[in-house]
Amino acid sequence: MAVNIAERPLAEQKTLLTRRNFLLGSAAAAGGLALYSGEIARHEISIVKFNLALAKLPEVFQGYRIAQISDIHYDEYTEPSFVRRVVGQVNRLAPDLVLLTGDYISNTPLGREFADQAMHRCAEELRELACPLRFAVMGNHDSILGAPTIRPILAAVGIPLLVNQHVAIERAGQRLWLCGIHDPVTHIPDLESAIPEKPDGPVLLMSHGPDYADEVLAHPRGALVDLMLAGHSHGGQVRLPIVGALHCVDGGRKYVQGLFRLGQMQLYVNRGIGTVGLPFRLNCPPEITSFTLKNSG
């Protein structure tokens, strides 16, 4: 039976009102935080810029600009309008090379048919990237379709998919070697095929999963890699002060976000664009990374 608070003793009334105010305040704070992380923080694009020094960088590649985007997860939570904003921001950076490090779609209960349609729609948005040099690798969520399905979808919009392959980026007879491996979370990459045996220039390796860096370092050809670019972790997606990331995924637990120097190899982990699980980001904004290459001497 409901009891009127006014009928209780004054001291008890104060206790009940204080408890009620606390619960109401907590509910309002939680609701506000959810609204902020779901509608505001999730759409706050952070452009992270680095001057990146590479050993033996040819003079013609001094000042070469690379843009990296990752983990779009189109379009369960990542709206088409948001992807268009991202593409517009990348175009304003005017990079010489755009690299996409996997998870264009989400492997969710919505199923393969939804993922296939989402992949086609995502590719059409990526078609608008102005840079003529664009390359991609597979992510773990992309495995719902597989590389044989995704390769022609991206190829149709001018984006080659590298699966245990390498290509030479040439300028005035000098080279950078761009390598891409299959997603290391769901597959076993072939580094022998991905990394050239005797590269005549710096080697850049694209890998969706960042923790695979340890496998690269242990491989005989790992010593040839100057820079590894990865995504997958979303930076933790929700990060609290002091505590850090609330949840880290397999393959992205050791190297979660940012730049790591691992001997002669540098690793960069991009926080990604989209979200999975819940459409929330907190203290971990979507990221476009812009690298300007310099010679380390």
C-alpha atoms as a PDB file:
ATOM      1  CA  MET A   1       0.000   0.000   0.000  1.00  0.00           C
ATOM      2  CA  ALA A   2       1.368   3.443  -0.941  1.00  0.00           C
ATOM      3  CA  VAL A   3       2.313   5.652   1.998  1.00  0.00           C
ATOM      4  CA  ASN A   4       2.314   9.438   1.886  1.00  0.00           C
ATOM      5  CA  ILE A   5       5.767  10.678   2.876  1.00  0.00           C
ATOM      6  CA  ALA A   6       4.149  13.608   4.669  1.00  0.00           C
ATOM      7  CA  GLU A   7       2.619  11.148   7.142  1.00  0.00           C
ATOM      8  CA  ARG A   8       6.064   9.895   8.228  1.00  0.00           C
ATOM      9  CA  PRO A   9       8.123  11.419  11.070  1.00  0.00           C
ATOM     10  CA  LEU A  10      10.246  14.402   9.951  1.00  0.00           C
ATOM     11  CA  ALA A  11      13.591  12.595  10.287  1.00  0.00           C
ATOM     12  CA  GLU A  12      12.281   9.685   8.205  1.00  0.00           C
ATOM     13  CA  GLN A  13      10.885  12.102   5.626  1.00  0.00           C
ATOM     14  CA  LYS A  14      14.361  13.639   5.200  1.00  0.00           C
ATOM     15  CA  THR A  15      15.935  10.198   4.768  1.00  0.00           C
ATOM     16  CA  LEU A  16      13.365   9.133   2.181  1.00  0.00           C
ATOM     17  CA  LEU A  17      13.660  12.390   0.247  1.00  0.00           C
ATOM     18  CA  THR A  18      17.457  12.230   0.263  1.00  0.00           C
ATOM     19  CA  ARG A  19      17.399   8.648  -1.020  1.00  0.00           C
ATOM     20  CA  ARG A  20      14.816   9.529  -3.659  1.00  0.00           C
ATOM     21  CA  ASN A  21      16.835  12.563  -4.800  1.00  0.00           C
ATOM     22  CA  PHE A  22      19.940  10.402  -5.032  1.00  0.00           C
ATOM     23  CA  LEU A  23      18.161   7.772  -7.133  1.00  0.00           C
ATOM     24  CA  LEU A  24      16.563  10.375  -9.364  1.00  0.00           C
ATOM     25  CA  GLY A  25      19.867  12.188  -9.747  1.00  0.00           C
ATOM     26  CA  SER A  26      21.701   8.971 -10.542  1.00  0.00           C
ATOM     27  CA  ALA A  27      19.101   8.005 -13.141  1.00  0.00           C
ATOM     28  CA  ALA A  28      19.312  11.451 -14.730  1.00  0.00           C
ATOM     29  CA  ALA A  29      23.119  11.315 -14.786  1.00  0.00           C
ATOM     30  CA  ALA A  30      23.097   7.846 -16.337  1.00  0.00           C
ATOM     31  CA  GLY A  31      20.582   8.945 -18.931  1.00  0.00           C
ATOM     32  CA  GLY A  32      22.607  12.044 -19.727  1.00  0.00           C
ATOM     33  CA  LEU A  33      25.811  10.040 -20.036  1.00  0.00           C
ATOM     34  CA  ALA A  34      24.138   7.552 -22.353  1.00  0.00           C
ATOM     35  CA  LEU A  35      22.796  10.381 -24.496  1.00  0.00           C
ATOM     36  CA  TYR A  36      26.199  12.070 -24.625  1.00  0.00           C
ATOM     37  CA  SER A  37      28.161   8.904 -25.445  1.00  0.00           C
ATOM     38  CA  GLY A  38      25.586   7.656 -27.948  1.00  0.00           C
ATOM     39  CA  GLU A  39      24.740  10.836 -29.822  1.00  0.00           C
ATOM     40  CA  ILE A  40      27.564  13.321 -29.263  1.00  0.00           C
ATOM     41  CA  ALA A  41      30.839  11.560 -28.411  1.00  0.00           C
ATOM     42  CA  ARG A  42      30.158   8.844 -30.988  1.00  0.00           C
ATOM     43  CA  HIS A  43      30.133  11.469 -33.728  1.00  0.00           C
ATOM     44  CA  GLU A  44      33.050  13.675 -32.605  1.00  0.00           C
ATOM     45  CA  ILE A  45      35.705  12.967 -35.239  1.00  0.00           C
ATOM     46  CA  SER A  46      39.275  13.360 -34.017  1.00  0.00           C
ATOM     47  CA  ILE A  47      41.947  13.992 -36.658  1.00  0.00           C
ATOM     48  CA  VAL A  48      45.246  12.781 -35.224  1.00  0.00           C
ATOM     49  CA  LYS A  49      48.334  14.042 -37.053  1.00  0.00           C
ATOM     50  CA  PHE A  50      51.839  12.602 -36.830  1.00  0.00           C
ATOM     51  CA  ASN A  51      55.189  13.370 -38.373  1.00  0.00           C
ATOM     52  CA  LEU A  52      56.456   9.824 -38.740  1.00  0.00           C
ATOM     53  CA  ALA A  53      60.178   9.166 -39.170  1.00  0.00           C
ATOM     54  CA  LEU A  54      61.195   6.153 -41.251  1.00  0.00           C
ATOM     55  CA  ALA A  55      64.736   4.953 -41.801  1.00  0.00           C
ATOM     56  CA  LYS A  56      66.066   5.190 -45.365  1.00  0.00           C
ATOM     57  CA  LEU A  57      62.994   6.989 -46.639  1.00  0.00           C
ATOM     58  CA  PRO A  58      63.729   8.057 -50.242  1.00  0.00           C
ATOM     59  CA  GLU A  59      63.956  11.801 -50.719  1.00  0.00           C
ATOM     60  CA  VAL A  60      61.006  11.784 -53.127  1.00  0.00           C
ATOM     61  CA  PHE A  61      58.774  10.496 -50.299  1.00  0.00           C
ATOM     62  CA  GLN A  62      59.724  13.258 -47.857  1.00  0.00           C
ATOM     63  CA  GLY A  63      56.455  14.843 -46.782  1.00  0.00           C
ATOM     64  CA  TYR A  64      54.375  11.980 -48.226  1.00  0.00           C
ATOM     65  CA  ARG A  65      50.961  11.996 -46.558  1.00  0.00           C
ATOM     66  CA  ILE A  66      49.005   8.891 -45.572  1.00  0.00           C
ATOM     67  CA  ALA A  67      45.475   8.873 -44.148  1.00  0.00           C
ATOM     68  CA  GLN A  68      44.217   5.843 -42.210  1.00  0.00           C
ATOM     69  CA  ILE A  69      40.615   5.011 -41.383  1.00  0.00           C
ATOM     70  CA  SER A  70      39.395   1.802 -39.796  1.00  0.00           C
ATOM     71  CA  ASP A  71      36.410  -0.077 -38.356  1.00  0.00           C
ATOM     72  CA  ILE A  72      33.559   1.690 -40.130  1.00  0.00           C
ATOM     73  CA  HIS A  73      30.999  -0.992 -39.179  1.00  0.00           C
ATOM     74  CA  TYR A  74      28.478   0.237 -41.717  1.00  0.00           C
ATOM     75  CA  ASP A  75      25.575   0.642 -41.066  1.00  0.00           C
ATOM     76  CA  GLU A  76      24.181  -1.123 -38.016  1.00  0.00           C
ATOM     77  CA  TYR A  77      25.092   1.909 -35.901  1.00  0.00           C
ATOM     78  CA  THR A  78      27.305   3.929 -38.260  1.00  0.00           C
ATOM     79  CA  GLU A  79      24.992   6.174 -40.228  1.00  0.00           C
ATOM     80  CA  PRO A  80      25.605   6.920 -43.933  1.00  0.00           C
ATOM     81  CA  SER A  81      25.716  10.640 -43.156  1.00  0.00           C
ATOM     82  CA  PHE A  82      28.508  10.053 -40.641  1.00  0.00           C
ATOM     83  CA  VAL A  83      30.579   8.064 -43.145  1.00  0.00           C
ATOM     84  CA  ARG A  84      30.116  10.914 -45.624  1.00  0.00           C
ATOM     85  CA  ARG A  85      31.470  13.318 -42.992  1.00  0.00           C
ATOM     86  CA  VAL A  86      34.496  11.064 -42.503  1.00  0.00           C
ATOM     87  CA  VAL A  87      35.145  10.860 -46.242  1.00  0.00           C
ATOM     88  CA  GLY A  88      34.842  14.636 -46.499  1.00  0.00           C
ATOM     89  CA  GLN A  89      37.372  15.115 -43.692  1.00  0.00           C
ATOM     90  CA  VAL A  90      39.815  12.714 -45.359  1.00  0.00           C
ATOM     91  CA  ASN A  91      39.442  14.549 -48.666  1.00  0.00           C
ATOM     92  CA  ARG A  92      40.207  17.869 -46.968  1.00  0.00           C
ATOM     93  CA  LEU A  93      43.482  16.388 -45.714  1.00  0.00           C
ATOM     94  CA  ALA A  94      44.482  15.785 -49.381  1.00  0.00           C
ATOM     95  CA  PRO A  95      46.545  12.657 -48.651  1.00  0.00           C
ATOM     96  CA  ASP A  96      48.793  10.917 -51.168  1.00  0.00           C
ATOM     97  CA  LEU A  97      47.588   7.499 -49.974  1.00  0.00           C
ATOM     98  CA  VAL A  98      44.507   6.287 -48.075  1.00  0.00           C
ATOM     99  CA  LEU A  99      44.659   3.023 -46.118  1.00  0.00           C
ATOM    100  CA  LEU A 100      41.603   1.209 -44.751  1.00  0.00           C
ATOM    101  CA  THR A 101      42.363  -1.332 -42.060  1.00  0.00           C
ATOM    102  CA  GLY A 102      39.258  -3.504 -42.019  1.00  0.00           C
ATOM    103  CA  ASP A 103      35.780  -4.049 -40.537  1.00  0.00           C
ATOM    104  CA  TYR A 104      33.698  -2.243 -43.135  1.00  0.00           C
ATOM    105  CA  ILE A 105      30.593  -4.040 -41.828  1.00  0.00           C
ATOM    106  CA  SER A 106      29.475  -5.807 -38.656  1.00  0.00           C
ATOM    107  CA  ASN A 107      29.087  -9.538 -38.138  1.00  0.00           C
ATOM    108  CA  THR A 108      25.857  -9.396 -36.127  1.00  0.00           C
ATOM    109  CA  PRO A 109      22.592 -11.282 -35.650  1.00  0.00           C
ATOM    110  CA  LEU A 110      21.224  -9.269 -38.575  1.00  0.00           C
ATOM    111  CA  GLY A 111      22.869 -11.880 -40.772  1.00  0.00           C
ATOM    112  CA  ARG A 112      24.755 -12.274 -44.021  1.00  0.00           C
ATOM    113  CA  GLU A 113      22.165 -10.709 -46.315  1.00  0.00           C
ATOM    114  CA  PHE A 114      22.169  -7.477 -44.299  1.00  0.00           C
ATOM    115  CA  ALA A 115      25.982  -7.505 -44.210  1.00  0.00           C
ATOM    116  CA  ASP A 116      26.174  -7.964 -47.981  1.00  0.00           C
ATOM    117  CA  GLN A 117      23.868  -5.011 -48.612  1.00  0.00           C
ATOM    118  CA  ALA A 118      25.750  -2.920 -46.043  1.00  0.00           C
ATOM    119  CA  MET A 119      29.077  -3.728 -47.737  1.00  0.00           C
ATOM    120  CA  HIS A 120      27.793  -2.482 -51.081  1.00  0.00           C
ATOM    121  CA  ARG A 121      26.462   0.712 -49.478  1.00  0.00           C
ATOM    122  CA  CYS A 122      29.714   1.279 -47.604  1.00  0.00           C
ATOM    123  CA  ALA A 123      31.740   0.858 -50.788  1.00  0.00           C
ATOM    124  CA  GLU A 124      29.609   3.474 -52.528  1.00  0.00           C
ATOM    125  CA  GLU A 125      30.419   5.955 -49.751  1.00  0.00           C
ATOM    126  CA  LEU A 126      34.133   5.111 -50.019  1.00  0.00           C
ATOM    127  CA  ARG A 127      33.972   5.699 -53.761  1.00  0.00           C
ATOM    128  CA  GLU A 128      33.947   9.415 -52.923  1.00  0.00           C
ATOM    129  CA  LEU A 129      37.487   9.328 -51.464  1.00  0.00           C
ATOM    130  CA  ALA A 130      39.294  11.770 -53.745  1.00  0.00           C
ATOM    131  CA  CYS A 131      42.764  10.260 -53.368  1.00  0.00           C
ATOM    132  CA  PRO A 132      43.445   7.950 -56.343  1.00  0.00           C
ATOM    133  CA  LEU A 133      45.640   5.608 -54.278  1.00  0.00           C
ATOM    134  CA  ARG A 134      43.438   3.642 -51.847  1.00  0.00           C
ATOM    135  CA  PHE A 135      44.105   0.168 -50.417  1.00  0.00           C
ATOM    136  CA  ALA A 136      42.265  -2.036 -47.937  1.00  0.00           C
ATOM    137  CA  VAL A 137      42.677  -5.166 -45.819  1.00  0.00           C
ATOM    138  CA  MET A 138      40.168  -7.533 -44.249  1.00  0.00           C
ATOM    139  CA  GLY A 139      38.823  -7.250 -40.704  1.00  0.00           C
ATOM    140  CA  ASN A 140      37.399  -9.966 -38.460  1.00  0.00           C
ATOM    141  CA  HIS A 141      33.777  -8.806 -38.906  1.00  0.00           C
ATOM    142  CA  ASP A 142      34.254  -8.875 -42.672  1.00  0.00           C
ATOM    143  CA  SER A 143      34.636 -12.649 -42.422  1.00  0.00           C
ATOM    144  CA  ILE A 144      30.827 -12.943 -42.489  1.00  0.00           C
ATOM    145  CA  LEU A 145      31.190 -12.305 -46.242  1.00  0.00           C
ATOM    146  CA  GLY A 146      34.799 -13.351 -46.859  1.00  0.00           C
ATOM    147  CA  ALA A 147      37.532 -11.915 -49.054  1.00  0.00           C
ATOM    148  CA  PRO A 148      36.209 -13.440 -52.338  1.00  0.00           C
ATOM    149  CA  THR A 149      32.977 -11.466 -51.866  1.00  0.00           C
ATOM    150  CA  ILE A 150      34.476  -8.243 -50.535  1.00  0.00           C
ATOM    151  CA  ARG A 151      37.330  -7.985 -53.054  1.00  0.00           C
ATOM    152  CA  PRO A 152      35.158  -7.261 -56.145  1.00  0.00           C
ATOM    153  CA  ILE A 153      32.880  -4.900 -54.186  1.00  0.00           C
ATOM    154  CA  LEU A 154      35.854  -2.730 -53.235  1.00  0.00           C
ATOM    155  CA  ALA A 155      37.513  -3.160 -56.633  1.00  0.00           C
ATOM    156  CA  ALA A 156      34.392  -1.734 -58.273  1.00  0.00           C
ATOM    157  CA  VAL A 157      35.021   1.579 -56.469  1.00  0.00           C
ATOM    158  CA  GLY A 158      38.768   1.600 -57.102  1.00  0.00           C
ATOM    159  CA  ILE A 159      40.028   0.146 -53.818  1.00  0.00           C
ATOM    160  CA  PRO A 160      42.276  -2.932 -54.128  1.00  0.00           C
ATOM    161  CA  LEU A 161      42.013  -5.441 -51.269  1.00  0.00           C
ATOM    162  CA  LEU A 162      45.375  -6.808 -50.144  1.00  0.00           C
ATOM    163  CA  VAL A 163      45.190 -10.333 -48.717  1.00  0.00           C
ATOM    164  CA  ASN A 164      48.718 -11.582 -47.984  1.00  0.00           C
ATOM    165  CA  GLN A 165      49.979  -9.411 -50.820  1.00  0.00           C
ATOM    166  CA  HIS A 166      52.303  -6.484 -51.412  1.00  0.00           C
ATOM    167  CA  VAL A 167      52.500  -3.657 -53.936  1.00  0.00           C
ATOM    168  CA  ALA A 168      55.152  -1.074 -54.703  1.00  0.00           C
ATOM    169  CA  ILE A 169      54.247   2.606 -54.364  1.00  0.00           C
ATOM    170  CA  GLU A 170      56.589   4.378 -56.795  1.00  0.00           C
ATOM    171  CA  ARG A 171      57.777   7.948 -57.169  1.00  0.00           C
ATOM    172  CA  ALA A 172      60.531   8.924 -59.583  1.00  0.00           C
ATOM    173  CA  GLY A 173      61.892   5.382 -59.598  1.00  0.00           C
ATOM    174  CA  GLN A 174      61.962   5.123 -55.779  1.00  0.00           C
ATOM    175  CA  ARG A 175      59.677   2.836 -53.766  1.00  0.00           C
ATOM    176  CA  LEU A 176      57.667   2.298 -50.642  1.00  0.00           C
ATOM    177  CA  TRP A 177      56.415  -1.253 -50.177  1.00  0.00           C
ATOM    178  CA  LEU A 178      52.819  -1.560 -49.010  1.00  0.00           C
ATOM    179  CA  CYS A 179      51.871  -4.968 -47.581  1.00  0.00           C
ATOM    180  CA  GLY A 180      48.522  -6.286 -46.435  1.00  0.00           C
ATOM    181  CA  ILE A 181      47.763  -9.472 -44.523  1.00  0.00           C
ATOM    182  CA  HIS A 182      44.576 -11.415 -43.977  1.00  0.00           C
ATOM    183  CA  ASP A 183      42.779 -10.648 -40.726  1.00  0.00           C
ATOM    184  CA  PRO A 184      44.863 -12.274 -37.964  1.00  0.00           C
ATOM    185  CA  VAL A 185      41.883 -12.641 -35.596  1.00  0.00           C
ATOM    186  CA  THR A 186      39.969 -15.050 -37.853  1.00  0.00           C
ATOM    187  CA  HIS A 187      42.747 -16.342 -40.141  1.00  0.00           C
ATOM    188  CA  ILE A 188      46.435 -17.241 -40.138  1.00  0.00           C
ATOM    189  CA  PRO A 189      48.252 -14.603 -42.203  1.00  0.00           C
ATOM    190  CA  ASP A 190      50.998 -15.549 -44.643  1.00  0.00           C
ATOM    191  CA  LEU A 191      53.857 -13.144 -43.977  1.00  0.00           C
ATOM    192  CA  GLU A 192      56.068 -14.892 -46.520  1.00  0.00           C
ATOM    193  CA  SER A 193      53.670 -13.814 -49.248  1.00  0.00           C
ATOM    194  CA  ALA A 194      52.777 -10.457 -47.755  1.00  0.00           C
ATOM    195  CA  ILE A 195      56.285  -9.067 -47.183  1.00  0.00           C
ATOM    196  CA  PRO A 196      58.747  -8.903 -50.102  1.00  0.00           C
ATOM    197  CA  GLU A 197      61.953 -10.845 -49.571  1.00  0.00           C
ATOM    198  CA  LYS A 198      64.312  -8.033 -50.555  1.00  0.00           C
ATOM    199  CA  PRO A 199      62.459  -4.700 -50.472  1.00  0.00           C
ATOM    200  CA  ASP A 200      64.321  -1.722 -51.936  1.00  0.00           C
ATOM    201  CA  GLY A 201      62.535   0.800 -49.726  1.00  0.00           C
ATOM    202  CA  PRO A 202      60.647   1.148 -46.434  1.00  0.00           C
ATOM    203  CA  VAL A 203      57.971  -1.473 -45.711  1.00  0.00           C
ATOM    204  CA  LEU A 204      54.487  -0.548 -44.471  1.00  0.00           C
ATOM    205  CA  LEU A 205      52.306  -3.405 -43.232  1.00  0.00           C
ATOM    206  CA  MET A 206      48.509  -3.243 -42.892  1.00  0.00           C
ATOM    207  CA  SER A 207      46.965  -5.615 -40.340  1.00  0.00           C
ATOM    208  CA  HIS A 208      43.506  -5.324 -38.844  1.00  0.00           C
ATOM    209  CA  GLY A 209      44.521  -6.871 -35.500  1.00  0.00           C
ATOM    210  CA  PRO A 210      47.226  -4.920 -33.615  1.00  0.00           C
ATOM    211  CA  ASP A 211      48.385  -7.678 -31.262  1.00  0.00           C
ATOM    212  CA  TYR A 212      49.640  -9.599 -34.294  1.00  0.00           C
ATOM    213  CA  ALA A 213      52.605  -7.211 -34.127  1.00  0.00           C
ATOM    214  CA  ASP A 214      54.309  -9.694 -31.789  1.00  0.00           C
ATOM    215  CA  GLU A 215      53.991 -12.422 -34.441  1.00  0.00           C
ATOM    216  CA  VAL A 216      55.416 -10.047 -37.033  1.00  0.00           C
ATOM    217  CA  LEU A 217      58.410  -9.264 -34.837  1.00  0.00           C
ATOM    218  CA  ALA A 218      59.079 -12.977 -34.296  1.00  0.00           C
ATOM    219  CA  HIS A 219      58.967 -13.786 -38.020  1.00  0.00           C
ATOM    220  CA  PRO A 220      62.162 -13.811 -40.132  1.00  0.00           C
ATOM    221  CA  ARG A 221      60.729 -11.098 -42.378  1.00  0.00           C
ATOM    222  CA  GLY A 222      59.455  -9.035 -39.474  1.00  0.00           C
ATOM    223  CA  ALA A 223      62.764  -7.197 -39.312  1.00  0.00           C
ATOM    224  CA  LEU A 224      61.964  -5.727 -42.728  1.00  0.00           C
ATOM    225  CA  VAL A 225      58.812  -3.948 -41.505  1.00  0.00           C
ATOM    226  CA  ASP A 226      59.228  -0.265 -40.667  1.00  0.00           C
ATOM    227  CA  LEU A 227      55.615   0.615 -39.889  1.00  0.00           C
ATOM    228  CA  MET A 228      52.552  -1.486 -39.069  1.00  0.00           C
ATOM    229  CA  LEU A 229      49.085   0.076 -39.176  1.00  0.00           C
ATOM    230  CA  ALA A 230      46.162  -1.590 -37.383  1.00  0.00           C
ATOM    231  CA  GLY A 231      42.681  -1.004 -36.002  1.00  0.00           C
ATOM    232  CA  HIS A 232      40.248  -3.531 -34.468  1.00  0.00           C
ATOM    233  CA  SER A 233      40.396  -2.390 -30.820  1.00  0.00           C
ATOM    234  CA  HIS A 234      38.251   0.772 -31.207  1.00  0.00           C
ATOM    235  CA  GLY A 235      40.636   2.164 -28.598  1.00  0.00           C
ATOM    236  CA  GLY A 236      38.463   0.381 -26.049  1.00  0.00           C
ATOM    237  CA  GLN A 237      35.411   2.372 -27.270  1.00  0.00           C
ATOM    238  CA  VAL A 238      34.447   3.382 -23.701  1.00  0.00           C
ATOM    239  CA  ARG A 239      37.300   4.633 -21.521  1.00  0.00           C
ATOM    240  CA  LEU A 240      37.014   5.828 -17.932  1.00  0.00           C
ATOM    241  CA  PRO A 241      39.505   8.049 -16.113  1.00  0.00           C
ATOM    242  CA  ILE A 242      42.204   6.022 -14.306  1.00  0.00           C
ATOM    243  CA  VAL A 243      40.475   2.725 -15.213  1.00  0.00           C
ATOM    244  CA  GLY A 244      40.994   3.106 -18.975  1.00  0.00           C
ATOM    245  CA  ALA A 245      39.200   0.863 -21.456  1.00  0.00           C
ATOM    246  CA  LEU A 246      36.268  -1.035 -19.945  1.00  0.00           C
ATOM    247  CA  HIS A 247      36.525  -3.836 -22.489  1.00  0.00           C
ATOM    248  CA  CYS A 248      39.256  -4.957 -24.852  1.00  0.00           C
ATOM    249  CA  VAL A 249      38.723  -7.485 -27.632  1.00  0.00           C
ATOM    250  CA  ASP A 250      40.760 -10.564 -28.529  1.00  0.00           C
ATOM    251  CA  GLY A 251      43.575  -9.504 -30.805  1.00  0.00           C
ATOM    252  CA  GLY A 252      43.488  -5.961 -29.427  1.00  0.00           C
ATOM    253  CA  ARG A 253      44.239  -6.327 -25.735  1.00  0.00           C
ATOM    254  CA  LYS A 254      47.974  -5.541 -25.634  1.00  0.00           C
ATOM    255  CA  TYR A 255      48.138  -2.694 -28.125  1.00  0.00           C
ATOM    256  CA  VAL A 256      44.888  -0.764 -27.718  1.00  0.00           C
ATOM    257  CA  GLN A 257      45.448   2.682 -29.219  1.00  0.00           C
ATOM    258  CA  GLY A 258      48.137   5.044 -30.395  1.00  0.00           C
ATOM    259  CA  LEU A 259      51.782   4.750 -31.385  1.00  0.00           C
ATOM    260  CA  PHE A 260      54.127   2.031 -30.149  1.00  0.00           C
ATOM    261  CA  ARG A 261      57.843   1.682 -30.859  1.00  0.00           C
ATOM    262  CA  LEU A 262      58.763  -1.981 -30.988  1.00  0.00           C
ATOM    263  CA  GLY A 263      62.463  -2.020 -31.743  1.00  0.00           C
ATOM    264  CA  GLN A 264      62.949  -0.831 -35.302  1.00  0.00           C
ATOM    265  CA  MET A 265      59.239  -1.300 -36.122  1.00  0.00           C
ATOM    266  CA  GLN A 266      56.615   1.279 -35.262  1.00  0.00           C
ATOM    267  CA  LEU A 267      53.009   0.220 -34.685  1.00  0.00           C
ATOM    268  CA  TYR A 268      50.038   2.543 -34.883  1.00  0.00           C
ATOM    269  CA  VAL A 269      46.583   1.484 -33.643  1.00  0.00           C
ATOM    270  CA  ASN A 270      43.699   3.584 -34.970  1.00  0.00           C
ATOM    271  CA  ARG A 271      40.566   3.911 -32.763  1.00  0.00           C
ATOM    272  CA  GLY A 272      38.249   3.396 -35.712  1.00  0.00           C
ATOM    273  CA  ILE A 273      35.113   5.147 -36.878  1.00  0.00           C
ATOM    274  CA  GLY A 274      32.186   2.954 -35.834  1.00  0.00           C
ATOM    275  CA  THR A 275      31.028   0.989 -32.814  1.00  0.00           C
ATOM    276  CA  VAL A 276      29.973  -2.574 -32.021  1.00  0.00           C
ATOM    277  CA  GLY A 277      27.958  -4.046 -29.164  1.00  0.00           C
ATOM    278  CA  LEU A 278      26.370  -0.741 -28.177  1.00  0.00           C
ATOM    279  CA  PRO A 279      26.429   2.566 -30.074  1.00  0.00           C
ATOM    280  CA  PHE A 280      28.484   4.311 -27.401  1.00  0.00           C
ATOM    281  CA  ARG A 281      31.866   6.015 -27.246  1.00  0.00           C
ATOM    282  CA  LEU A 282      33.276   7.791 -24.217  1.00  0.00           C
ATOM    283  CA  ASN A 283      36.699   9.448 -23.921  1.00  0.00           C
ATOM    284  CA  CYS A 284      37.530   7.575 -27.107  1.00  0.00           C
ATOM    285  CA  PRO A 285      36.395   9.556 -30.175  1.00  0.00           C
ATOM    286  CA  PRO A 286      36.280   8.193 -33.729  1.00  0.00           C
ATOM    287  CA  GLU A 287      39.627   8.724 -35.417  1.00  0.00           C
ATOM    288  CA  ILE A 288      41.123   9.657 -38.754  1.00  0.00           C
ATOM    289  CA  THR A 289      44.908   9.420 -38.623  1.00  0.00           C
ATOM    290  CA  SER A 290      47.132  11.532 -40.860  1.00  0.00           C
ATOM    291  CA  PHE A 291      50.814  10.597 -41.170  1.00  0.00           C
ATOM    292  CA  THR A 292      53.438  12.766 -42.809  1.00  0.00           C
ATOM    293  CA  LEU A 293      56.567  10.733 -43.608  1.00  0.00           C
ATOM    294  CA  LYS A 294      60.001  12.052 -42.723  1.00  0.00           C
ATOM    295  CA  ASN A 295      63.480  10.567 -42.973  1.00  0.00           C
ATOM    296  CA  SER A 296      64.945   9.540 -39.620  1.00  0.00           C
ATOM    297  CA  GLY A 297      68.442   9.954 -41.009  1.00  0.00           C
END
